[in-house]
C-alpha atoms as a PDB file:
ATOM      1  CA  UNK A   1      13.220 277.443 123.362  1.00  0.00           C
ATOM      2  CA  UNK A   2      10.113 279.550 122.628  1.00  0.00           C
ATOM      3  CA  UNK A   3       7.826 280.900 125.342  1.00  0.00           C
ATOM      4  CA  UNK A   4       5.069 278.234 125.043  1.00  0.00           C
ATOM      5  CA  UNK A   5       7.557 275.368 125.302  1.00  0.00           C
ATOM      6  CA  UNK A   6       9.239 277.049 128.252  1.00  0.00           C
ATOM      7  CA  UNK A   7       5.894 277.389 130.088  1.00  0.00           C
ATOM      8  CA  UNK A   8       5.059 273.741 129.352  1.00  0.00           C
ATOM      9  CA  UNK A   9       8.478 272.668 130.646  1.00  0.00           C
ATOM     10  CA  UNK A  10       7.978 274.639 133.878  1.00  0.00           C
ATOM     11  CA  UNK A  11       4.505 273.158 134.426  1.00  0.00           C
ATOM     12  CA  UNK A  12       5.866 269.640 133.918  1.00  0.00           C
ATOM     13  CA  UNK A  13       8.738 270.329 136.280  1.00  0.00           C
ATOM     14  CA  UNK A  14       6.381 271.626 139.007  1.00  0.00           C
ATOM     15  CA  UNK A  15       4.009 268.696 138.529  1.00  0.00           C
ATOM     16  CA  UNK A  16       6.858 266.169 138.904  1.00  0.00           C
ATOM     17  CA  UNK A  17       8.085 267.965 142.029  1.00  0.00           C
ATOM     18  CA  UNK A  18       4.588 267.853 143.533  1.00  0.00           C
ATOM     19  CA  UNK A  19       4.121 264.164 142.655  1.00  0.00           C
ATOM     20  CA  UNK A  20       7.667 262.980 143.275  1.00  0.00           C
ATOM     21  CA  UNK A  21       6.778 259.624 144.846  1.00  0.00           C
ATOM     22  CA  UNK A  22       4.389 258.722 142.028  1.00  0.00           C
ATOM     23  CA  UNK A  23       6.958 259.705 139.393  1.00  0.00           C
ATOM     24  CA  UNK A  24       9.697 257.641 141.050  1.00  0.00           C
ATOM     25  CA  UNK A  25       7.441 254.586 141.382  1.00  0.00           C
ATOM     26  CA  UNK A  26       6.397 254.900 137.725  1.00  0.00           C
ATOM     27  CA  UNK A  27      10.019 255.278 136.593  1.00  0.00           C
ATOM     28  CA  UNK A  28      11.127 252.218 138.556  1.00  0.00           C
ATOM     29  CA  UNK A  29       8.312 250.107 137.137  1.00  0.00           C
ATOM     30  CA  UNK A  30       9.025 251.364 133.618  1.00  0.00           C
ATOM     31  CA  UNK A  31      12.732 250.575 133.946  1.00  0.00           C
ATOM     32  CA  UNK A  32      11.953 247.040 135.138  1.00  0.00           C
ATOM     33  CA  UNK A  33       9.695 246.367 132.168  1.00  0.00           C
ATOM     34  CA  UNK A  34      12.172 247.910 129.725  1.00  0.00           C
ATOM     35  CA  UNK A  35      15.064 245.888 131.127  1.00  0.00           C
ATOM     36  CA  UNK A  36      13.029 242.662 131.002  1.00  0.00           C
ATOM     37  CA  UNK A  37      12.155 243.321 127.356  1.00  0.00           C
ATOM     38  CA  UNK A  38      15.648 244.385 126.241  1.00  0.00           C
ATOM     39  CA  UNK A  39      17.790 242.367 128.662  1.00  0.00           C
ATOM     40  CA  UNK A  40      20.135 240.833 126.087  1.00  0.00           C
ATOM     41  CA  UNK A  41      20.731 244.116 124.268  1.00  0.00           C
ATOM     42  CA  UNK A  42      21.417 246.034 127.517  1.00  0.00           C
ATOM     43  CA  UNK A  43      23.817 243.383 128.846  1.00  0.00           C
ATOM     44  CA  UNK A  44      25.668 243.216 125.539  1.00  0.00           C
ATOM     45  CA  UNK A  45      25.918 247.004 125.416  1.00  0.00           C
ATOM     46  CA  UNK A  46      27.261 247.139 128.999  1.00  0.00           C
ATOM     47  CA  UNK A  47      29.775 244.402 128.218  1.00  0.00           C
ATOM     48  CA  UNK A  48      31.070 246.160 125.089  1.00  0.00           C
ATOM     49  CA  UNK A  49      31.206 249.519 126.857  1.00  0.00           C
ATOM     50  CA  UNK A  50      33.235 248.070 129.710  1.00  0.00           C
ATOM     51  CA  UNK A  51      35.658 246.449 127.259  1.00  0.00           C
ATOM     52  CA  UNK A  52      36.200 249.670 125.303  1.00  0.00           C
ATOM     53  CA  UNK A  53      36.560 251.734 128.509  1.00  0.00           C
ATOM     54  CA  UNK A  54      38.518 249.180 130.529  1.00  0.00           C
ATOM     55  CA  UNK A  55      41.187 251.573 131.812  1.00  0.00           C
ATOM     56  CA  UNK A  56      38.624 254.156 132.950  1.00  0.00           C
ATOM     57  CA  UNK A  57      36.714 251.482 134.886  1.00  0.00           C
ATOM     58  CA  UNK A  58      39.889 250.264 136.593  1.00  0.00           C
ATOM     59  CA  UNK A  59      40.830 253.797 137.608  1.00  0.00           C
ATOM     60  CA  UNK A  60      37.305 254.539 138.831  1.00  0.00           C
ATOM     61  CA  UNK A  61      37.171 251.328 140.873  1.00  0.00           C
ATOM     62  CA  UNK A  62      40.613 252.000 142.343  1.00  0.00           C
ATOM     63  CA  UNK A  63      39.600 255.489 143.467  1.00  0.00           C
ATOM     64  CA  UNK A  64      36.323 254.231 144.920  1.00  0.00           C
ATOM     65  CA  UNK A  65      38.035 251.454 146.874  1.00  0.00           C
ATOM     66  CA  UNK A  66      40.625 253.884 148.202  1.00  0.00           C
ATOM     67  CA  UNK A  67      38.069 256.433 149.447  1.00  0.00           C
ATOM     68  CA  UNK A  68      35.449 253.922 150.660  1.00  0.00           C
ATOM     69  CA  UNK A  69      37.618 251.146 152.121  1.00  0.00           C
ATOM     70  CA  UNK A  70      35.854 251.083 155.492  1.00  0.00           C
ATOM     71  CA  UNK A  71      32.358 250.920 153.964  1.00  0.00           C
ATOM     72  CA  UNK A  72      33.415 248.184 151.543  1.00  0.00           C
ATOM     73  CA  UNK A  73      34.945 246.092 154.335  1.00  0.00           C
ATOM     74  CA  UNK A  74      31.858 246.580 156.500  1.00  0.00           C
ATOM     75  CA  UNK A  75      29.492 245.522 153.701  1.00  0.00           C
ATOM     76  CA  UNK A  76      31.707 242.529 152.976  1.00  0.00           C
ATOM     77  CA  UNK A  77      31.662 241.388 156.605  1.00  0.00           C
ATOM     78  CA  UNK A  78      27.891 241.875 156.865  1.00  0.00           C
ATOM     79  CA  UNK A  79      27.259 239.989 153.624  1.00  0.00           C
ATOM     80  CA  UNK A  80      29.558 237.139 154.619  1.00  0.00           C
ATOM     81  CA  UNK A  81      27.869 236.853 158.027  1.00  0.00           C
ATOM     82  CA  UNK A  82      24.381 236.617 156.476  1.00  0.00           C
ATOM     83  CA  UNK A  83      25.318 234.491 153.439  1.00  0.00           C
ATOM     84  CA  UNK A  84      28.004 232.228 154.871  1.00  0.00           C
ATOM     85  CA  UNK A  85      26.342 228.944 153.924  1.00  0.00           C
ATOM     86  CA  UNK A  86      25.692 230.076 150.338  1.00  0.00           C
ATOM     87  CA  UNK A  87      29.272 231.294 149.949  1.00  0.00           C
ATOM     88  CA  UNK A  88      30.749 228.078 151.355  1.00  0.00           C
ATOM     89  CA  UNK A  89      28.489 225.985 149.127  1.00  0.00           C
ATOM     90  CA  UNK A  90      29.463 227.974 146.033  1.00  0.00           C
ATOM     91  CA  UNK A  91      33.175 227.818 146.916  1.00  0.00           C
ATOM     92  CA  UNK A  92      33.064 224.029 147.338  1.00  0.00           C
ATOM     93  CA  UNK A  93      31.149 223.626 144.084  1.00  0.00           C
ATOM     94  CA  UNK A  94      33.627 225.813 142.207  1.00  0.00           C
ATOM     95  CA  UNK A  95      36.633 224.008 143.725  1.00  0.00           C
ATOM     96  CA  UNK A  96      35.200 220.639 142.670  1.00  0.00           C
ATOM     97  CA  UNK A  97      34.618 221.872 139.108  1.00  0.00           C
ATOM     98  CA  UNK A  98      37.960 223.734 138.848  1.00  0.00           C
ATOM     99  CA  UNK A  99      40.501 221.854 141.013  1.00  0.00           C
ATOM    100  CA  UNK A 100      43.625 223.186 139.269  1.00  0.00           C
ATOM    101  CA  UNK A 101      42.525 226.832 139.395  1.00  0.00           C
ATOM    102  CA  UNK A 102      41.432 226.461 143.011  1.00  0.00           C
ATOM    103  CA  UNK A 103      44.748 224.965 144.123  1.00  0.00           C
ATOM    104  CA  UNK A 104      46.662 227.720 142.312  1.00  0.00           C
ATOM    105  CA  UNK A 105      44.457 230.445 143.827  1.00  0.00           C
ATOM    106  CA  UNK A 106      44.737 229.035 147.357  1.00  0.00           C
ATOM    107  CA  UNK A 107      48.513 228.785 147.028  1.00  0.00           C
ATOM    108  CA  UNK A 108      48.768 232.428 145.962  1.00  0.00           C
ATOM    109  CA  UNK A 109      46.361 233.554 148.693  1.00  0.00           C
ATOM    110  CA  UNK A 110      48.188 231.668 151.469  1.00  0.00           C
ATOM    111  CA  UNK A 111      51.510 233.105 150.271  1.00  0.00           C
ATOM    112  CA  UNK A 112      50.171 236.650 150.324  1.00  0.00           C
ATOM    113  CA  UNK A 113      48.170 236.276 153.548  1.00  0.00           C
ATOM    114  CA  UNK A 114      50.048 233.840 155.826  1.00  0.00           C
ATOM    115  CA  UNK A 115      48.331 235.156 158.974  1.00  0.00           C
ATOM    116  CA  UNK A 116      44.818 234.611 157.623  1.00  0.00           C
ATOM    117  CA  UNK A 117      45.888 231.210 156.321  1.00  0.00           C
ATOM    118  CA  UNK A 118      47.181 230.245 159.760  1.00  0.00           C
ATOM    119  CA  UNK A 119      43.974 231.512 161.368  1.00  0.00           C
ATOM    120  CA  UNK A 120      41.862 229.476 158.936  1.00  0.00           C
ATOM    121  CA  UNK A 121      43.769 226.205 159.481  1.00  0.00           C
ATOM    122  CA  UNK A 122      43.806 226.623 163.256  1.00  0.00           C
ATOM    123  CA  UNK A 123      40.081 227.362 163.301  1.00  0.00           C
ATOM    124  CA  UNK A 124      39.428 224.342 161.110  1.00  0.00           C
ATOM    125  CA  UNK A 125      41.477 222.078 163.378  1.00  0.00           C
ATOM    126  CA  UNK A 126      39.564 223.418 166.383  1.00  0.00           C
ATOM    127  CA  UNK A 127      36.264 222.541 164.698  1.00  0.00           C
ATOM    128  CA  UNK A 128      37.474 219.026 163.885  1.00  0.00           C
ATOM    129  CA  UNK A 129      38.099 218.265 167.573  1.00  0.00           C
ATOM    130  CA  UNK A 130      35.019 220.222 168.727  1.00  0.00           C
ATOM    131  CA  UNK A 131      37.195 222.560 170.794  1.00  0.00           C
ATOM    132  CA  UNK A 132      35.485 225.150 172.944  1.00  0.00           C
ATOM    133  CA  UNK A 133      36.376 228.835 172.948  1.00  0.00           C
ATOM    134  CA  UNK A 134      35.556 232.069 171.131  1.00  0.00           C
ATOM    135  CA  UNK A 135      38.196 231.627 168.453  1.00  0.00           C
ATOM    136  CA  UNK A 136      41.106 233.898 167.535  1.00  0.00           C
ATOM    137  CA  UNK A 137      40.863 236.517 164.809  1.00  0.00           C
ATOM    138  CA  UNK A 138      43.815 237.721 162.725  1.00  0.00           C
ATOM    139  CA  UNK A 139      43.701 241.048 164.585  1.00  0.00           C
ATOM    140  CA  UNK A 140      43.801 239.335 167.983  1.00  0.00           C
ATOM    141  CA  UNK A 141      46.681 237.157 166.825  1.00  0.00           C
ATOM    142  CA  UNK A 142      48.625 240.243 165.743  1.00  0.00           C
ATOM    143  CA  UNK A 143      48.073 241.775 169.182  1.00  0.00           C
ATOM    144  CA  UNK A 144      49.305 238.601 170.921  1.00  0.00           C
ATOM    145  CA  UNK A 145      52.493 238.616 168.831  1.00  0.00           C
ATOM    146  CA  UNK A 146      53.068 242.267 169.655  1.00  0.00           C
ATOM    147  CA  UNK A 147      52.774 241.486 173.380  1.00  0.00           C
ATOM    148  CA  UNK A 148      55.618 238.972 172.931  1.00  0.00           C
ATOM    149  CA  UNK A 149      57.589 241.420 170.744  1.00  0.00           C
ATOM    150  CA  UNK A 150      57.296 239.077 167.751  1.00  0.00           C
ATOM    151  CA  UNK A 151      59.338 236.449 169.616  1.00  0.00           C
ATOM    152  CA  UNK A 152      58.748 232.817 170.482  1.00  0.00           C
ATOM    153  CA  UNK A 153      57.159 232.439 173.924  1.00  0.00           C
ATOM    154  CA  UNK A 154      59.328 229.388 174.678  1.00  0.00           C
ATOM    155  CA  UNK A 155      62.827 230.085 173.333  1.00  0.00           C
ATOM    156  CA  UNK A 156      62.513 233.907 173.068  1.00  0.00           C
ATOM    157  CA  UNK A 157      64.067 233.886 169.616  1.00  0.00           C
ATOM    158  CA  UNK A 158      62.882 236.306 166.966  1.00  0.00           C
ATOM    159  CA  UNK A 159      61.659 233.794 164.396  1.00  0.00           C
ATOM    160  CA  UNK A 160      58.423 233.737 162.349  1.00  0.00           C
ATOM    161  CA  UNK A 161      55.843 232.786 165.017  1.00  0.00           C
ATOM    162  CA  UNK A 162      53.124 230.186 164.717  1.00  0.00           C
ATOM    163  CA  UNK A 163      49.950 229.950 166.750  1.00  0.00           C
ATOM    164  CA  UNK A 164      50.354 227.457 169.590  1.00  0.00           C
ATOM    165  CA  UNK A 165      47.746 226.313 172.116  1.00  0.00           C
ATOM    166  CA  UNK A 166      49.212 226.195 175.638  1.00  0.00           C
ATOM    167  CA  UNK A 167      46.802 223.397 176.494  1.00  0.00           C
ATOM    168  CA  UNK A 168      46.626 221.355 173.266  1.00  0.00           C
ATOM    169  CA  UNK A 169      43.264 221.073 171.549  1.00  0.00           C
ATOM    170  CA  UNK A 170      43.624 217.299 171.654  1.00  0.00           C
ATOM    171  CA  UNK A 171      43.865 217.534 175.471  1.00  0.00           C
ATOM    172  CA  UNK A 172      40.701 219.605 175.813  1.00  0.00           C
ATOM    173  CA  UNK A 173      42.292 223.031 175.396  1.00  0.00           C
ATOM    174  CA  UNK A 174      40.148 225.929 174.220  1.00  0.00           C
ATOM    175  CA  UNK A 175      40.614 227.742 170.933  1.00  0.00           C
ATOM    176  CA  UNK A 176      40.680 231.126 172.636  1.00  0.00           C
ATOM    177  CA  UNK A 177      43.090 234.044 173.064  1.00  0.00           C
ATOM    178  CA  UNK A 178      43.731 233.009 176.684  1.00  0.00           C
ATOM    179  CA  UNK A 179      45.136 229.696 175.449  1.00  0.00           C
ATOM    180  CA  UNK A 180      47.283 231.060 172.605  1.00  0.00           C
ATOM    181  CA  UNK A 181      50.959 232.048 172.509  1.00  0.00           C
ATOM    182  CA  UNK A 182      53.360 232.617 169.612  1.00  0.00           C
ATOM    183  CA  UNK A 183      55.878 229.831 169.065  1.00  0.00           C
ATOM    184  CA  UNK A 184      58.592 229.374 166.484  1.00  0.00           C
ATOM    185  CA  UNK A 185      58.265 226.426 164.128  1.00  0.00           C
ATOM    186  CA  UNK A 186      60.854 224.396 166.010  1.00  0.00           C
ATOM    187  CA  UNK A 187      59.247 224.838 169.450  1.00  0.00           C
ATOM    188  CA  UNK A 188      55.759 224.358 168.076  1.00  0.00           C
ATOM    189  CA  UNK A 189      56.760 221.078 166.438  1.00  0.00           C
ATOM    190  CA  UNK A 190      58.636 219.892 169.536  1.00  0.00           C
ATOM    191  CA  UNK A 191      55.774 220.676 171.868  1.00  0.00           C
ATOM    192  CA  UNK A 192      53.188 219.137 169.530  1.00  0.00           C
ATOM    193  CA  UNK A 193      50.324 217.895 171.764  1.00  0.00           C
ATOM    194  CA  UNK A 194      52.409 217.674 174.954  1.00  0.00           C
ATOM    195  CA  UNK A 195      51.412 219.541 178.086  1.00  0.00           C
ATOM    196  CA  UNK A 196      53.308 222.743 178.844  1.00  0.00           C
ATOM    197  CA  UNK A 197      55.052 221.220 181.896  1.00  0.00           C
ATOM    198  CA  UNK A 198      56.169 218.144 179.971  1.00  0.00           C
ATOM    199  CA  UNK A 199      57.488 220.254 177.110  1.00  0.00           C
ATOM    200  CA  UNK A 200      59.421 222.562 179.434  1.00  0.00           C
ATOM    201  CA  UNK A 201      60.811 219.553 181.290  1.00  0.00           C
ATOM    202  CA  UNK A 202      62.076 217.999 178.048  1.00  0.00           C
ATOM    203  CA  UNK A 203      63.667 221.328 177.071  1.00  0.00           C
ATOM    204  CA  UNK A 204      65.485 221.539 180.407  1.00  0.00           C
ATOM    205  CA  UNK A 205      67.047 218.116 179.795  1.00  0.00           C
ATOM    206  CA  UNK A 206      68.655 219.190 176.529  1.00  0.00           C
END
């Protein structure tokens, strides 16, 4: 680089530093116009680049998710809270258009995440009967099970617990942590929508 070009480069650099906001605004506007004009070419180029560098993208995404897990989860929760209706609408539309894929995906998801699946179905049942209460999150449910040492609240056996409402939802019980105990499948089915006293009385007669 000769001396005149070097001086010109330095002047340009200083001018950009002094007019940073203007430069950034101009660059953003230029990029928008360029993208609008060459949208198909840019998208095709990105698509081909991602295909030819698939492994690098997977590794990069894996590292990013590992080091930014909290931020990703936070953004996901915030987005879901502000776009819940749009997400539910899209999910229903997709399920109607792809019933086989949806059933397969839900089956896999419920197998991998039984606690979230149980939370979802219980919350849905509570909505159907217009039950009061603040609901029970997966984290709260885990804490309740820990308090009972992963055992059934009724028979005290260490079996896979299910969420049971002490006062049944059908009897006006609340869908709230104060009305939830872990129950094994057998006790949960036996109790059904009976009151706690009636259920315990029937058990004592066995």
